[in-house]
Protein backbone atom coordinates (compact mmCIF):
# COMPACT_ATOMS: atom_id res chain seq x y z
CA CYS A 1 -3.98 -26.49 -6.35
CA ASN A 2 -2.88 -22.89 -7.38
CA LEU A 3 -1.87 -23.58 -10.70
CA GLU A 4 -5.27 -24.84 -12.04
CA ARG A 5 -7.28 -22.41 -10.26
CA LYS A 6 -8.43 -19.83 -12.91
CA GLN A 7 -8.66 -16.24 -11.95
CA ASN A 8 -12.38 -14.37 -12.22
CA ILE A 9 -12.01 -11.04 -13.93
CA ILE A 10 -14.59 -8.94 -12.92
CA GLU A 11 -14.95 -6.37 -15.25
CA THR A 12 -14.34 -2.11 -14.38
CA ASN A 13 -18.19 -1.58 -14.63
CA ILE A 14 -19.07 -4.37 -11.99
CA THR A 15 -22.14 -5.32 -11.02
CA LYS A 16 -24.10 -5.56 -8.42
CA ASP A 17 -24.29 -9.91 -9.05
CA LYS A 18 -20.73 -9.84 -9.00
CA ILE A 19 -19.98 -7.75 -5.40
CA ILE A 20 -22.70 -10.94 -4.63
CA GLU A 21 -19.99 -13.09 -6.12
CA ALA A 22 -17.17 -11.91 -4.81
CA ALA A 23 -18.68 -11.19 -1.11
CA GLU A 24 -19.26 -15.15 -0.62
CA ALA A 25 -16.14 -16.03 -1.93
CA ILE A 26 -14.83 -14.14 0.95
CA LYS A 27 -17.22 -15.78 3.37
CA GLU A 28 -15.73 -19.19 1.23
CA GLY A 29 -12.14 -18.44 2.84
CA LYS A 30 -11.46 -17.45 -0.48
CA LEU A 31 -8.78 -14.54 -1.26
CA VAL A 32 -10.33 -11.27 -3.36
CA ALA A 33 -8.92 -8.30 -5.07
CA PHE A 34 -9.89 -4.92 -4.63
CA PRO A 35 -9.22 -1.29 -5.56
CA THR A 36 -9.05 0.69 -2.27
CA GLU A 37 -8.55 4.51 -3.00
CA THR A 38 -4.88 3.56 -2.46
CA VAL A 39 -3.50 0.68 -3.30
CA TYR A 40 -5.31 -2.65 -5.14
CA GLY A 41 -5.46 -4.76 -1.65
CA LEU A 42 -5.47 -8.75 -1.35
CA GLY A 43 -8.23 -9.58 0.91
CA ALA A 44 -9.98 -12.59 3.34
CA ASN A 45 -11.73 -13.34 6.18
CA ALA A 46 -9.69 -11.20 8.39
CA LEU A 47 -11.59 -13.37 11.27
CA ASP A 48 -11.00 -16.52 9.48
CA PRO A 49 -7.16 -17.37 9.93
CA GLU A 50 -7.15 -20.32 7.63
CA ALA A 51 -8.31 -17.99 4.59
CA VAL A 52 -6.16 -15.37 5.98
CA ALA A 53 -3.01 -17.81 5.69
CA LYS A 54 -3.32 -17.60 2.02
CA ILE A 55 -2.70 -14.06 1.72
CA PHE A 56 1.14 -14.57 3.50
CA ILE A 57 1.58 -17.62 1.57
CA GLU A 58 0.54 -16.14 -2.39
CA LYS A 59 2.04 -12.52 -1.47
CA GLU A 60 5.34 -14.87 0.30
CA ARG A 61 4.94 -12.40 2.94
CA PRO A 62 7.32 -13.30 5.70
CA SER A 63 4.98 -14.23 9.21
CA PHE A 64 6.26 -11.00 11.21
CA ASP A 65 4.12 -8.55 9.01
CA PRO A 66 1.17 -7.46 9.97
CA LEU A 67 -2.45 -6.77 8.29
CA ILE A 68 -4.36 -3.78 8.77
CA VAL A 69 -7.94 -4.88 8.64
CA HIS A 70 -10.57 -3.47 6.49
CA ILE A 71 -14.06 -2.84 7.74
CA SER A 72 -17.19 -0.39 5.91
CA ASN A 73 -18.78 0.22 9.16
CA ILE A 74 -17.26 2.83 12.13
CA ASN A 75 -19.95 0.43 14.49
CA ASP A 76 -17.16 -2.53 13.22
CA ILE A 77 -14.41 -0.61 15.50
CA GLU A 78 -15.65 -2.47 18.77
CA LEU A 79 -15.01 -5.85 17.21
CA LEU A 80 -11.92 -5.49 16.72
CA THR A 81 -10.48 -4.05 19.00
CA THR A 82 -10.54 -3.71 23.36
CA SER A 83 -10.14 0.05 23.18
CA LYS A 84 -13.07 2.51 24.15
CA ASP A 85 -10.52 6.10 23.65
CA PRO A 86 -13.11 8.77 22.58
CA ARG A 87 -10.36 9.85 20.13
CA ILE A 88 -10.35 6.54 17.84
CA TYR A 89 -14.32 7.99 16.82
CA LYS A 90 -12.63 11.64 16.77
CA ILE A 91 -10.30 10.66 14.18
CA ALA A 92 -12.78 8.41 12.30
CA GLU A 93 -15.40 11.26 11.79
CA LYS A 94 -12.53 13.83 10.61
CA PHE A 95 -10.49 10.55 8.34
CA TRP A 96 -12.69 7.88 7.41
CA PRO A 97 -13.61 6.74 4.72
CA GLY A 98 -10.01 7.59 4.08
CA PRO A 99 -6.58 6.58 3.79
CA LEU A 100 -5.97 6.45 7.13
CA THR A 101 -4.90 3.12 9.39
CA ILE A 102 -5.39 3.31 13.30
CA VAL A 103 -3.61 1.25 15.42
CA LEU A 104 -5.32 -0.28 18.41
CA PRO A 105 -5.64 -2.98 21.10
CA LYS A 106 -6.47 -6.28 19.72
CA SER A 107 -10.11 -8.16 20.68
CA SER A 108 -9.72 -12.03 21.16
CA ARG A 109 -12.30 -12.24 17.64
CA VAL A 110 -8.96 -10.76 15.36
CA PRO A 111 -6.38 -13.91 14.97
CA ASN A 112 -3.11 -13.76 15.65
CA ILE A 113 -1.78 -14.03 12.69
CA VAL A 114 -3.51 -11.02 11.37
CA THR A 115 -1.54 -8.87 13.85
CA SER A 116 2.14 -11.13 13.64
CA GLY A 117 1.45 -12.05 16.67
CA LEU A 118 1.51 -8.65 18.52
CA ASN A 119 -1.82 -7.55 20.89
CA THR A 120 -2.74 -4.47 18.73
CA VAL A 121 -4.05 -4.48 14.62
CA GLY A 122 -4.18 -2.19 12.00
CA ILE A 123 -8.11 -0.10 11.07
CA ARG A 124 -9.08 1.20 8.59
CA MET A 125 -12.50 2.61 6.91
CA PRO A 126 -11.17 2.98 2.65
CA ASN A 127 -13.13 5.78 0.67
CA ASN A 128 -13.75 3.46 -2.71
CA PRO A 129 -17.26 2.24 -3.11
CA ILE A 130 -16.03 -1.30 -4.60
CA ALA A 131 -14.29 -1.70 -1.11
CA LEU A 132 -16.84 -0.53 1.02
CA SER A 133 -19.75 -2.77 -1.26
CA LEU A 134 -17.50 -5.89 -0.59
CA ILE A 135 -17.00 -5.46 2.62
CA SER A 136 -20.09 -4.95 3.64
CA THR A 137 -21.91 -7.20 1.69
CA SER A 138 -19.63 -9.78 2.68
CA GLY A 139 -20.24 -8.97 6.55
CA LYS A 140 -16.86 -9.53 7.59
CA PRO A 141 -14.08 -7.11 8.12
CA ILE A 142 -11.51 -8.12 5.45
CA ALA A 143 -7.82 -8.12 5.96
CA ALA A 144 -6.39 -7.09 3.30
CA PRO A 145 -2.60 -5.62 2.93
CA SER A 146 -1.22 -4.15 -1.45
CA ALA A 147 -2.49 -7.45 -4.03
CA ASN A 148 1.65 -7.52 -4.74
CA LYS A 149 4.49 -10.19 -4.33
CA PHE A 150 5.76 -9.01 -0.57
CA GLY A 151 8.60 -5.96 -1.35
CA LYS A 152 7.48 -5.70 -4.69
CA ILE A 153 5.98 -2.56 -6.14
CA SER A 154 2.18 -1.51 -5.42
CA PRO A 155 -0.14 -2.21 -7.66
CA THR A 156 -2.26 0.92 -8.64
CA LYS A 157 -4.51 -1.65 -11.50
CA ALA A 158 -6.02 -4.40 -11.12
CA ASP A 159 -3.35 -5.76 -14.46
CA HIS A 160 -0.61 -5.07 -11.58
CA VAL A 161 -2.51 -7.49 -9.70
CA ILE A 162 -3.06 -9.98 -12.27
CA LYS A 163 1.10 -9.99 -13.04
CA GLN A 164 2.57 -10.50 -9.69
CA LEU A 165 -0.77 -12.82 -8.23
CA LYS A 166 -1.90 -16.19 -9.15
CA GLY A 167 -3.84 -17.33 -6.94
CA VAL A 168 -5.80 -15.12 -6.29
CA ASP A 169 -9.73 -16.10 -6.36
CA TYR A 170 -11.49 -12.89 -8.16
CA VAL A 171 -9.83 -9.41 -9.08
CA LEU A 172 -12.46 -6.81 -8.99
CA ASP A 173 -11.14 -3.90 -11.79
CA GLY A 174 -12.16 -1.14 -10.65
CA GLY A 175 -9.66 0.94 -13.08
CA SER A 176 -6.84 3.04 -11.55
CA THR A 177 -6.64 3.96 -7.82
CA ASP A 178 -6.77 7.94 -7.03
CA ILE A 179 -3.99 8.09 -4.09
CA GLY A 180 -2.04 5.75 -5.33
CA ILE A 181 0.46 5.06 -2.65
CA GLU A 182 -0.34 3.60 1.15
CA SER A 183 -2.13 4.47 3.84
CA THR A 184 -1.12 6.36 7.07
CA VAL A 185 -0.41 4.16 9.88
CA ILE A 186 -1.00 6.13 13.14
CA THR A 187 -0.44 4.55 16.93
CA LEU A 188 -2.25 6.53 19.82
CA LYS A 189 0.00 7.66 23.39
CA GLU A 190 -1.81 9.32 26.18
CA ASP A 191 -0.09 12.48 24.64
CA GLY A 192 -1.46 12.36 20.84
CA PHE A 193 -0.23 10.56 17.61
CA VAL A 194 2.19 8.86 16.18
CA ILE A 195 2.73 8.45 12.78
CA LEU A 196 4.01 4.79 12.13
CA ARG A 197 3.92 4.82 8.05
CA GLU A 198 3.81 8.21 5.67
CA GLY A 199 0.82 8.34 3.90
CA TYR A 200 -1.85 10.52 2.12
CA ILE A 201 -2.75 11.73 5.29
CA THR A 202 -0.06 14.13 6.71
CA ALA A 203 0.81 15.23 10.16
CA ASP A 204 -0.33 18.46 9.49
CA ASN A 205 -3.68 16.70 8.60
CA LEU A 206 -3.25 14.94 11.78
CA LEU A 207 -3.09 18.05 13.93
CA GLU A 208 -6.69 19.25 13.22
CA VAL A 209 -7.61 16.81 15.89
CA LEU A 210 -5.06 15.23 17.45
CA PRO A 211 -1.29 16.66 19.43
CA GLN A 212 1.25 14.52 17.96
CA SER A 213 2.95 12.66 20.59
CA LYS A 214 6.59 13.19 21.92
CA HIS A 215 6.92 9.55 21.54
CA LYS A 216 8.77 8.35 18.80
CA LYS A 217 7.57 5.05 16.76
CA ASP A 218 9.09 1.50 18.38
CA SER A 219 12.32 0.53 15.83
CA MET A 220 12.58 -2.57 17.56
CA HIS A 221 9.26 -4.00 16.01
CA LEU A 222 7.35 -3.34 13.47
CA GLU A 223 3.88 -2.50 14.69
CA SER A 224 3.06 -1.80 10.51
CA PRO A 225 3.60 -2.83 7.69
CA GLY A 226 5.94 -1.37 5.22
CA LEU A 227 8.40 -0.25 7.83
CA LEU A 228 11.16 -2.53 6.56
CA LYS A 229 14.24 -0.69 5.16
CA SER A 230 13.98 -2.86 1.17
CA HIS A 231 9.84 -2.37 -0.25
CA TYR A 232 8.17 -1.14 -3.32
CA SER A 233 11.10 -2.53 -5.55
CA PRO A 234 10.81 -3.44 -9.32
CA ASP A 235 13.45 -6.05 -10.50
CA LYS A 236 15.84 -2.69 -12.10
CA PRO A 237 18.31 -0.97 -9.82
CA ILE A 238 16.69 1.51 -9.48
CA PHE A 239 18.29 5.34 -7.18
CA ILE A 240 17.29 8.24 -6.52
CA GLU A 241 19.95 11.10 -7.81
CA SER A 242 20.42 13.43 -5.54
CA GLU A 243 21.82 10.01 -3.32
CA LEU A 244 23.63 8.82 -5.93
CA SER A 245 27.77 7.76 -5.14
CA SER A 246 30.48 8.65 -7.16
CA GLU A 247 30.63 4.84 -8.27
CA GLN A 248 27.40 4.72 -9.10
CA ILE A 249 27.23 7.74 -11.76
CA ASP A 250 30.41 5.93 -13.25
CA ASN A 251 28.37 2.73 -13.58
CA LEU A 252 25.81 4.72 -14.68
CA SER A 253 27.85 6.66 -17.26
CA ASN A 254 28.83 3.09 -18.87
CA THR A 255 25.24 1.89 -19.28
CA LYS A 256 24.30 3.12 -23.27
CA LYS A 257 21.23 6.31 -23.12
CA ASN A 258 18.99 3.92 -24.36
CA LYS A 259 18.97 1.56 -21.76
CA LYS A 260 18.31 4.52 -19.03
CA ALA A 261 14.66 5.68 -17.53
CA PHE A 262 14.90 8.95 -15.49
CA ILE A 263 11.47 9.81 -13.87
CA SER A 264 11.04 13.56 -12.98
CA PHE A 265 8.95 15.58 -10.89
CA SER A 266 10.11 19.53 -11.71
CA GLY A 267 9.49 18.44 -15.42
CA ARG A 268 13.87 18.34 -15.88
CA SER A 269 13.91 16.11 -18.84
CA PRO A 270 18.37 15.53 -18.41
CA GLU A 271 20.50 14.35 -21.12
CA GLY A 272 21.18 10.89 -21.20
CA TYR A 273 18.61 8.69 -20.98
CA GLY A 274 16.36 6.68 -23.54
CA LYS A 275 13.13 7.51 -21.91
CA ILE A 276 12.06 9.91 -19.17
CA GLU A 277 8.77 9.29 -17.02
CA PHE A 278 7.13 12.59 -15.68
CA LEU A 279 5.61 11.92 -11.82
CA SER A 280 4.03 15.70 -12.26
CA LYS A 281 4.80 17.87 -14.93
CA ASN A 282 3.98 21.06 -12.53
CA SER A 283 5.72 19.57 -9.34
CA ASP A 284 2.47 18.78 -7.69
CA LEU A 285 2.46 16.55 -5.06
CA LYS A 286 -0.20 14.36 -4.99
CA GLU A 287 -0.69 13.67 -8.83
CA ALA A 288 3.00 12.99 -8.18
CA ALA A 289 2.16 10.03 -5.64
CA SER A 290 -0.87 8.61 -7.83
CA ASN A 291 1.17 7.95 -10.43
CA LEU A 292 4.53 6.77 -8.90
CA PHE A 293 3.62 2.46 -9.22
CA SER A 294 1.89 2.99 -12.12
CA ILE A 295 5.58 4.51 -14.01
CA LEU A 296 7.50 2.04 -12.12
CA HIS A 297 5.53 -0.96 -13.04
CA LYS A 298 5.81 0.69 -16.70
CA LEU A 299 9.31 1.21 -16.33
CA GLU A 300 9.35 -2.89 -15.14
CA GLU A 301 8.44 -4.26 -17.42
CA ASP A 302 9.66 -2.44 -20.32
CA LEU A 303 12.00 -4.67 -21.57
CA ALA A 304 14.34 -1.79 -23.34
CA ILE A 305 15.25 -0.04 -19.91
CA ASN A 306 17.85 -1.62 -17.88
CA VAL A 307 18.46 0.78 -14.96
CA ILE A 308 16.05 3.86 -13.77
CA VAL A 309 16.69 7.16 -11.94
CA THR A 310 14.49 9.17 -10.05
CA GLU A 311 14.54 12.82 -8.91
CA GLU A 312 14.10 13.52 -5.64
CA VAL A 313 10.42 15.56 -4.41
CA PRO A 314 10.25 18.01 -2.02
CA GLU A 315 9.63 16.74 1.56
CA ASN A 316 6.24 18.92 2.65
CA GLY A 317 2.81 16.80 2.57
CA ILE A 318 2.62 13.88 1.03
CA GLY A 319 6.20 14.44 -0.53
CA ILE A 320 7.98 12.68 2.97
CA ALA A 321 5.70 9.41 2.01
CA ILE A 322 6.88 9.08 -1.99
CA MET A 323 10.37 9.68 -0.31
CA ASP A 324 9.42 7.42 1.40
CA ARG A 325 8.16 4.59 -0.56
CA LEU A 326 11.32 5.42 -3.32
CA ARG A 327 13.65 5.12 -0.50
CA LYS A 328 13.04 1.98 0.01
CA ALA A 329 12.34 1.13 -3.07
CA SER A 330 16.33 1.85 -4.03
CA TYR A 331 17.81 0.63 -1.04
CA ARG A 332 18.49 -2.97 -2.36
CA TYR A 333 20.40 -1.78 -4.65
CA LYS A 334 22.82 0.58 -2.75
CA LYS A 335 24.27 -2.56 -2.27
């Protein structure tokens, strides 16, 4: 019974023995939360459909939303996909290990539950020593979405995982993640790459290796996680300052000053807010990405705050991914 199960929290100073212990849990079909360079993942043996089903149950994730499979060795690609496209290795040489997921035709070894019945699978090699050690020690590719309840704020610290998920067998505490937002997801067409989900790796980065396809992503099918309109959402109303309607502005005006929080990117500290949080004090997009989910968690937990307003960031480079997350976080509160 999950309610009786105790989480085994492994301290930040993770020993080889503890990695072996967590890897054994993966081999036994259990759930292990672990850090990557992007956010914390909720992992299970990707080749064990019963273990993968536990991810969906624990996250309360709909079965139509596919998972990403994490590997630690480039040769594991051959286990997971039928594709022989040489461009895969060209991309991997440039960006792996790192925050890039490639969606490829899946092999018969990959259970349908991992891909939500699609004939493709997302694969990436994380750039985090704890994650890589866990994968290689277990000897299994690990399916791992973000370690949070579905649609809620992604976790960038072990505490964020523990707050939301109670049925995890191991939580490997690797401290705060570096990048702070999920990986970029791409697929390959005959004429180049298509970005399915924006992330730390930008189109300009990818253009160093491949041309961008003239094809657009298929809006009718979820080929990648993180494509729903509402996602990454705190339990308190959050609004993007530039997108506020006159009605929302009036409602905010009626909220007591000390109950409102403002998330600043440019360094502005507008009047009328009881708390100001800075994504970056010098308009640094990478710093903003790293701080985004952590600040949302902090304000969600602050009992003195009832509503959040965030400044928009420039939509260039990684700013495109940041605004993608903010729009999805605020979507449920627009209605």
